[in-house]
Amino acid sequence: MPTEALATAPVEPLHAPERRPARLRPSVGGTPTLSRTQKLITHAVLLLLCVPFVLPLVWMLCTSLKPETDIYSEKQPANAVQYLISMLPAHARWQNYPEALQTVPFATYLQNTLFLCICNVLFAVLSSAVVAYGFARINFKGREAWFMLMISTMALPDQVTMIPVFGFFRKLGLYGTFMPLILPALFGNAFFIFLLRQFFRTIPDELTEAARIDGATEWGIFWQIMLPLAKPALATCALFQFLSTWNDFFGPLLYINDPNRYTLAYGLQQFMSSYGGKWALLMAGACIFTIPIIILFFFAQKTFIQGISTTGSKA
């Protein structure tokens, strides 16, 4: 190229390379990720919001490790910091836990509670899954109307049906047994049916149609295809039912009159009525009652979140 052409050629201005925003990192899947500072701020805010919910548990744990004389302190804390310091036990008294276990027949209460939890989890999850599969995959006349009628029962308080159901079980001669606490689980749970129905509707129809072409029955499709695919939703329902049965106080109060059949929730209330002044032992018993639930949730947290997040994505 001639020198004159090079001299007269327009020179394009140099532009500095574009910089990404300082706050956001490169996007992952189309969504920008947060920087480390933003993550720290977010976690700090979440931890602060958790304090009001965790504080009662901390107070219960600290009280369970105190001697009875340290619980009723005459000194009033002047501020919140002193109050938090006063919550901590000066000398941890671990003997409160074995004494609490010896005060009440904890092994019997635990055995009764686990028996009810296992029965209710199995019956409620299986019966709800069968009904949910029918609402999700089987076409029959009035399906949507029956489904809406079933869902409407969720708005019916238990206190409305308490007396009729109690009279029904008493007429059957089941008062004082575990049967009134187990039999309702055989007829499904409206919330579990809704949850599982929504999950079943997310499974492609082509999968079940291929199974029908191969000669599979509806029961075979349900048992061999739908249930294995619905493990996250089934685990979520099982966790809900386990927590409900474990924490159930009103059911045993209404139907159980034999101390050998008390559950942990009901037995803890009986302990409070008999040894109401021994707050350290009572809080130790409450900690023993709460610890299995916390451990179970942390172990099942991933499956629980997966079951909730993948449910209801298809109308």
Protein backbone atom coordinates (compact mmCIF):
# COMPACT_ATOMS: atom_id res chain seq x y z
CA MET A 1 0.00 0.00 0.00
CA PRO A 2 1.41 3.47 -0.83
CA THR A 3 2.60 5.68 1.96
CA GLU A 4 0.04 8.38 1.08
CA ALA A 5 -2.82 5.88 1.46
CA LEU A 6 -1.58 4.83 4.85
CA ALA A 7 -1.39 8.44 5.97
CA THR A 8 -4.91 9.28 4.83
CA ALA A 9 -6.54 6.03 6.10
CA PRO A 10 -8.94 6.68 8.94
CA VAL A 11 -7.67 5.54 12.26
CA GLU A 12 -10.26 3.83 14.40
CA PRO A 13 -10.22 4.94 18.01
CA LEU A 14 -9.08 2.37 20.48
CA HIS A 15 -11.70 1.37 23.01
CA ALA A 16 -10.90 -0.06 26.37
CA PRO A 17 -12.30 -3.56 26.81
CA GLU A 18 -15.66 -3.64 28.48
CA ARG A 19 -15.52 -4.49 32.14
CA ARG A 20 -18.02 -6.64 33.84
CA PRO A 21 -19.91 -5.13 36.73
CA ALA A 22 -17.86 -5.32 39.87
CA ARG A 23 -20.74 -6.72 41.88
CA LEU A 24 -21.69 -9.63 39.68
CA ARG A 25 -19.63 -12.56 38.59
CA PRO A 26 -20.00 -14.27 35.20
CA SER A 27 -23.46 -15.69 34.78
CA VAL A 28 -24.20 -19.36 35.27
CA GLY A 29 -27.13 -20.62 33.23
CA GLY A 30 -28.18 -17.08 32.34
CA THR A 31 -28.41 -15.93 35.96
CA PRO A 32 -25.60 -13.73 37.33
CA THR A 33 -24.04 -15.06 40.50
CA LEU A 34 -23.42 -12.96 43.58
CA SER A 35 -19.98 -11.78 44.56
CA ARG A 36 -18.34 -12.89 47.79
CA THR A 37 -19.26 -9.64 49.54
CA GLN A 38 -22.90 -9.96 48.58
CA LYS A 39 -22.92 -13.55 49.77
CA LEU A 40 -21.48 -12.52 53.13
CA ILE A 41 -24.06 -9.76 53.54
CA THR A 42 -26.90 -12.10 52.54
CA HIS A 43 -25.80 -14.79 54.99
CA ALA A 44 -25.37 -12.22 57.76
CA VAL A 45 -28.92 -10.93 57.26
CA LEU A 46 -30.30 -14.47 57.21
CA LEU A 47 -28.46 -15.33 60.40
CA LEU A 48 -29.87 -12.25 62.12
CA LEU A 49 -33.38 -13.23 61.05
CA CYS A 50 -32.82 -16.71 62.48
CA VAL A 51 -31.92 -15.41 65.94
CA PRO A 52 -35.54 -14.95 67.19
CA PHE A 53 -36.33 -18.54 66.16
CA VAL A 54 -33.17 -20.11 67.58
CA LEU A 55 -33.20 -18.18 70.88
CA PRO A 56 -35.96 -20.30 72.53
CA LEU A 57 -34.04 -23.46 71.65
CA VAL A 58 -30.84 -22.01 73.11
CA TRP A 59 -32.72 -21.04 76.29
CA MET A 60 -34.17 -24.56 76.56
CA LEU A 61 -30.73 -26.15 76.13
CA CYS A 62 -29.06 -23.81 78.63
CA THR A 63 -31.82 -24.30 81.19
CA SER A 64 -31.54 -28.08 80.86
CA LEU A 65 -27.88 -27.84 81.97
CA LYS A 66 -28.48 -25.63 85.02
CA PRO A 67 -29.07 -26.65 88.62
CA GLU A 68 -32.50 -25.79 89.95
CA THR A 69 -31.04 -23.08 92.19
CA ASP A 70 -29.54 -21.21 89.22
CA ILE A 71 -32.81 -21.04 87.30
CA TYR A 72 -34.59 -18.89 89.87
CA SER A 73 -32.04 -16.12 90.11
CA GLU A 74 -33.00 -13.00 92.03
CA LYS A 75 -30.69 -10.78 89.99
CA GLN A 76 -32.46 -9.09 87.11
CA PRO A 77 -30.31 -8.40 84.01
CA ALA A 78 -29.96 -4.71 83.22
CA ASN A 79 -29.76 -5.13 79.44
CA ALA A 80 -30.05 -7.66 76.67
CA VAL A 81 -26.34 -8.55 76.79
CA GLN A 82 -26.50 -9.41 80.47
CA TYR A 83 -29.65 -11.40 79.85
CA LEU A 84 -27.91 -13.48 77.18
CA ILE A 85 -24.96 -14.03 79.52
CA SER A 86 -27.30 -15.06 82.36
CA MET A 87 -28.79 -17.72 80.09
CA LEU A 88 -25.51 -19.63 80.00
CA PRO A 89 -25.02 -22.17 82.80
CA ALA A 90 -22.15 -21.40 85.17
CA HIS A 91 -21.47 -25.11 85.59
CA ALA A 92 -23.08 -27.55 83.17
CA ARG A 93 -25.04 -30.21 85.03
CA TRP A 94 -25.23 -33.13 82.61
CA GLN A 95 -26.85 -35.28 85.27
CA ASN A 96 -30.18 -33.64 84.42
CA TYR A 97 -30.50 -35.80 81.32
CA PRO A 98 -30.18 -39.25 82.94
CA GLU A 99 -32.39 -38.04 85.81
CA ALA A 100 -35.05 -36.94 83.31
CA LEU A 101 -34.89 -40.34 81.60
CA GLN A 102 -35.31 -42.11 84.93
CA THR A 103 -38.16 -39.89 86.12
CA VAL A 104 -40.49 -41.03 83.31
CA PRO A 105 -40.56 -44.32 81.35
CA PHE A 106 -38.87 -42.72 78.37
CA ALA A 107 -38.18 -46.04 76.60
CA THR A 108 -41.89 -46.95 76.67
CA TYR A 109 -42.95 -43.54 75.41
CA LEU A 110 -40.32 -43.68 72.63
CA GLN A 111 -41.42 -47.18 71.58
CA ASN A 112 -45.08 -46.11 71.38
CA THR A 113 -44.20 -42.96 69.43
CA LEU A 114 -42.01 -44.78 66.91
CA PHE A 115 -44.69 -47.44 66.41
CA LEU A 116 -47.28 -44.78 65.58
CA CYS A 117 -44.84 -42.88 63.36
CA ILE A 118 -43.91 -45.94 61.30
CA CYS A 119 -47.52 -47.07 60.85
CA ASN A 120 -48.83 -43.62 59.97
CA VAL A 121 -45.99 -42.87 57.55
CA LEU A 122 -46.47 -46.13 55.64
CA PHE A 123 -50.25 -45.99 55.54
CA ALA A 124 -50.60 -42.27 54.80
CA VAL A 125 -47.97 -42.17 52.05
CA LEU A 126 -49.15 -45.31 50.24
CA SER A 127 -52.86 -44.51 50.43
CA SER A 128 -52.29 -40.91 49.35
CA ALA A 129 -50.10 -42.04 46.45
CA VAL A 130 -52.82 -44.39 45.16
CA VAL A 131 -55.48 -41.68 45.26
CA ALA A 132 -53.13 -39.09 43.75
CA TYR A 133 -52.31 -41.42 40.86
CA GLY A 134 -56.00 -41.84 40.14
CA PHE A 135 -56.58 -38.10 40.07
CA ALA A 136 -53.49 -37.48 37.95
CA ARG A 137 -53.51 -40.31 35.39
CA ILE A 138 -56.91 -41.99 35.22
CA ASN A 139 -59.73 -40.23 33.37
CA PHE A 140 -63.15 -40.75 34.92
CA LYS A 141 -66.36 -38.78 35.05
CA GLY A 142 -66.33 -35.94 37.53
CA ARG A 143 -62.61 -36.26 38.27
CA GLU A 144 -62.00 -32.54 38.69
CA ALA A 145 -65.14 -32.09 40.79
CA TRP A 146 -64.15 -34.90 43.13
CA PHE A 147 -60.65 -33.49 43.36
CA MET A 148 -61.93 -30.04 44.30
CA LEU A 149 -64.22 -31.62 46.90
CA MET A 150 -61.26 -33.49 48.37
CA ILE A 151 -59.11 -30.35 48.42
CA SER A 152 -61.88 -28.40 50.17
CA THR A 153 -61.59 -30.71 53.19
CA MET A 154 -58.23 -29.07 53.95
CA ALA A 155 -60.15 -25.97 55.06
CA LEU A 156 -62.19 -28.01 57.56
CA PRO A 157 -60.76 -27.66 61.11
CA ASP A 158 -60.17 -30.82 63.10
CA GLN A 159 -62.30 -29.43 65.93
CA VAL A 160 -65.38 -29.67 63.70
CA THR A 161 -65.06 -33.44 63.25
CA MET A 162 -63.54 -34.18 66.66
CA ILE A 163 -66.74 -35.18 68.49
CA PRO A 164 -68.30 -37.28 65.66
CA VAL A 165 -65.04 -39.14 65.06
CA PHE A 166 -64.55 -39.73 68.77
CA GLY A 167 -68.07 -41.12 69.07
CA PHE A 168 -67.49 -43.33 66.03
CA PHE A 169 -64.36 -44.93 67.44
CA ARG A 170 -65.96 -45.29 70.87
CA LYS A 171 -68.91 -47.14 69.33
CA LEU A 172 -66.45 -49.49 67.65
CA GLY A 173 -64.83 -50.23 71.00
CA LEU A 174 -61.47 -48.77 69.96
CA TYR A 175 -61.21 -46.15 72.69
CA GLY A 176 -58.03 -46.58 74.69
CA THR A 177 -56.13 -48.26 71.82
CA PHE A 178 -53.78 -47.05 69.10
CA MET A 179 -56.30 -47.77 66.34
CA PRO A 180 -57.98 -44.30 66.36
CA LEU A 181 -54.50 -42.81 65.82
CA ILE A 182 -53.65 -45.20 62.95
CA LEU A 183 -56.85 -45.89 60.99
CA PRO A 184 -57.27 -42.33 59.59
CA ALA A 185 -53.92 -42.69 57.82
CA LEU A 186 -55.36 -45.54 55.73
CA PHE A 187 -57.70 -43.09 53.98
CA GLY A 188 -55.02 -40.70 52.78
CA ASN A 189 -54.22 -37.09 53.53
CA ALA A 190 -55.67 -34.29 51.43
CA PHE A 191 -52.44 -32.30 51.38
CA PHE A 192 -50.35 -35.34 50.45
CA ILE A 193 -52.79 -36.26 47.68
CA PHE A 194 -52.53 -32.76 46.26
CA LEU A 195 -48.74 -32.78 46.50
CA LEU A 196 -48.34 -36.18 44.85
CA ARG A 197 -50.94 -35.45 42.17
CA GLN A 198 -49.02 -32.37 41.10
CA PHE A 199 -45.81 -34.39 40.99
CA PHE A 200 -47.37 -37.22 38.96
CA ARG A 201 -48.61 -34.70 36.40
CA THR A 202 -45.02 -33.60 35.73
CA ILE A 203 -44.08 -37.10 34.52
CA PRO A 204 -44.36 -37.33 30.69
CA ASP A 205 -47.43 -39.13 29.38
CA GLU A 206 -45.30 -40.90 26.78
CA LEU A 207 -43.67 -42.93 29.53
CA THR A 208 -46.91 -44.43 30.77
CA GLU A 209 -48.30 -44.85 27.26
CA ALA A 210 -45.26 -46.89 26.29
CA ALA A 211 -45.78 -49.06 29.35
CA ARG A 212 -49.43 -49.66 28.39
CA ILE A 213 -48.39 -50.66 24.86
CA ASP A 214 -46.01 -53.18 26.41
CA GLY A 215 -48.95 -54.67 28.32
CA ALA A 216 -48.46 -53.09 31.76
CA THR A 217 -51.54 -52.71 33.95
CA GLU A 218 -52.42 -49.53 35.82
CA TRP A 219 -51.19 -51.09 39.05
CA GLY A 220 -47.93 -52.12 37.37
CA ILE A 221 -47.43 -48.61 36.00
CA PHE A 222 -48.11 -47.13 39.41
CA TRP A 223 -45.87 -49.52 41.33
CA GLN A 224 -42.97 -49.96 38.91
CA ILE A 225 -42.80 -46.58 37.16
CA MET A 226 -44.56 -43.81 39.05
CA LEU A 227 -43.49 -44.62 42.60
CA PRO A 228 -39.75 -44.91 41.83
CA LEU A 229 -39.86 -41.59 39.98
CA ALA A 230 -41.78 -39.93 42.81
CA LYS A 231 -39.25 -40.69 45.55
CA PRO A 232 -38.57 -37.00 46.39
CA ALA A 233 -42.28 -36.23 46.75
CA LEU A 234 -42.88 -39.43 48.71
CA ALA A 235 -40.00 -38.57 51.05
CA THR A 236 -41.47 -35.11 51.58
CA CYS A 237 -44.87 -36.56 52.51
CA ALA A 238 -43.20 -39.11 54.79
CA LEU A 239 -41.27 -36.37 56.58
CA PHE A 240 -44.42 -34.28 57.07
CA GLN A 241 -46.33 -37.27 58.42
CA PHE A 242 -43.50 -38.30 60.73
CA LEU A 243 -43.27 -34.80 62.21
CA SER A 244 -47.04 -34.61 62.61
CA THR A 245 -47.24 -37.95 64.42
CA TRP A 246 -44.15 -37.27 66.54
CA ASN A 247 -45.52 -33.92 67.73
CA ASP A 248 -49.12 -35.07 68.06
CA PHE A 249 -50.43 -34.30 71.54
CA PHE A 250 -54.14 -33.90 71.00
CA GLY A 251 -54.71 -37.39 69.54
CA PRO A 252 -53.20 -39.34 72.46
CA LEU A 253 -54.89 -36.96 74.89
CA LEU A 254 -58.26 -37.75 73.33
CA TYR A 255 -57.99 -41.52 72.85
CA ILE A 256 -55.29 -42.90 75.18
CA ASN A 257 -56.07 -43.52 78.85
CA ASP A 258 -53.40 -46.12 79.65
CA PRO A 259 -50.03 -44.75 80.89
CA ASN A 260 -48.27 -47.65 79.17
CA ARG A 261 -49.54 -46.32 75.82
CA TYR A 262 -48.48 -42.69 76.26
CA THR A 263 -46.41 -41.08 73.53
CA LEU A 264 -43.48 -38.73 74.07
CA ALA A 265 -45.54 -35.57 73.52
CA TYR A 266 -48.27 -36.70 75.91
CA GLY A 267 -45.81 -38.15 78.40
CA LEU A 268 -43.87 -34.89 78.50
CA GLN A 269 -47.07 -33.05 79.39
CA GLN A 270 -47.78 -35.57 82.15
CA PHE A 271 -44.25 -35.05 83.43
CA MET A 272 -44.86 -31.29 83.53
CA SER A 273 -48.08 -31.73 85.51
CA SER A 274 -46.38 -34.08 88.01
CA TYR A 275 -43.00 -32.36 88.31
CA GLY A 276 -43.87 -28.81 87.27
CA GLY A 277 -41.33 -27.25 89.64
CA LYS A 278 -38.34 -29.13 88.22
CA TRP A 279 -37.71 -26.97 85.19
CA ALA A 280 -34.21 -28.29 84.57
CA LEU A 281 -35.46 -31.86 84.22
CA LEU A 282 -38.40 -30.68 82.15
CA MET A 283 -36.14 -28.81 79.73
CA ALA A 284 -33.83 -31.84 79.56
CA GLY A 285 -36.81 -33.98 78.57
CA ALA A 286 -37.84 -31.38 76.00
CA CYS A 287 -34.33 -31.42 74.49
CA ILE A 288 -34.40 -35.19 74.25
CA PHE A 289 -37.78 -34.90 72.54
CA THR A 290 -36.52 -32.27 70.06
CA ILE A 291 -33.09 -33.62 69.11
CA PRO A 292 -34.35 -36.52 66.90
CA ILE A 293 -36.49 -34.11 64.88
CA ILE A 294 -33.55 -31.78 64.24
CA ILE A 295 -31.29 -34.67 63.22
CA LEU A 296 -33.97 -36.10 60.92
CA PHE A 297 -34.52 -32.77 59.19
CA PHE A 298 -30.82 -32.22 58.50
CA PHE A 299 -30.46 -35.71 57.04
CA ALA A 300 -33.61 -35.37 54.90
CA GLN A 301 -33.17 -31.68 54.02
CA LYS A 302 -31.90 -32.26 50.48
CA THR A 303 -34.66 -34.72 49.59
CA PHE A 304 -37.28 -32.53 51.26
CA ILE A 305 -36.30 -29.42 49.28
CA GLN A 306 -36.12 -31.43 46.06
CA GLY A 307 -39.60 -32.82 46.60
CA ILE A 308 -41.07 -29.37 47.26
CA SER A 309 -39.27 -27.63 44.39
CA THR A 310 -40.22 -30.23 41.77
CA THR A 311 -43.90 -30.36 42.74
CA GLY A 312 -46.51 -28.28 41.03
CA SER A 313 -44.46 -27.26 37.99
CA LYS A 314 -47.24 -28.47 35.70
CA ALA A 315 -50.83 -27.30 36.07
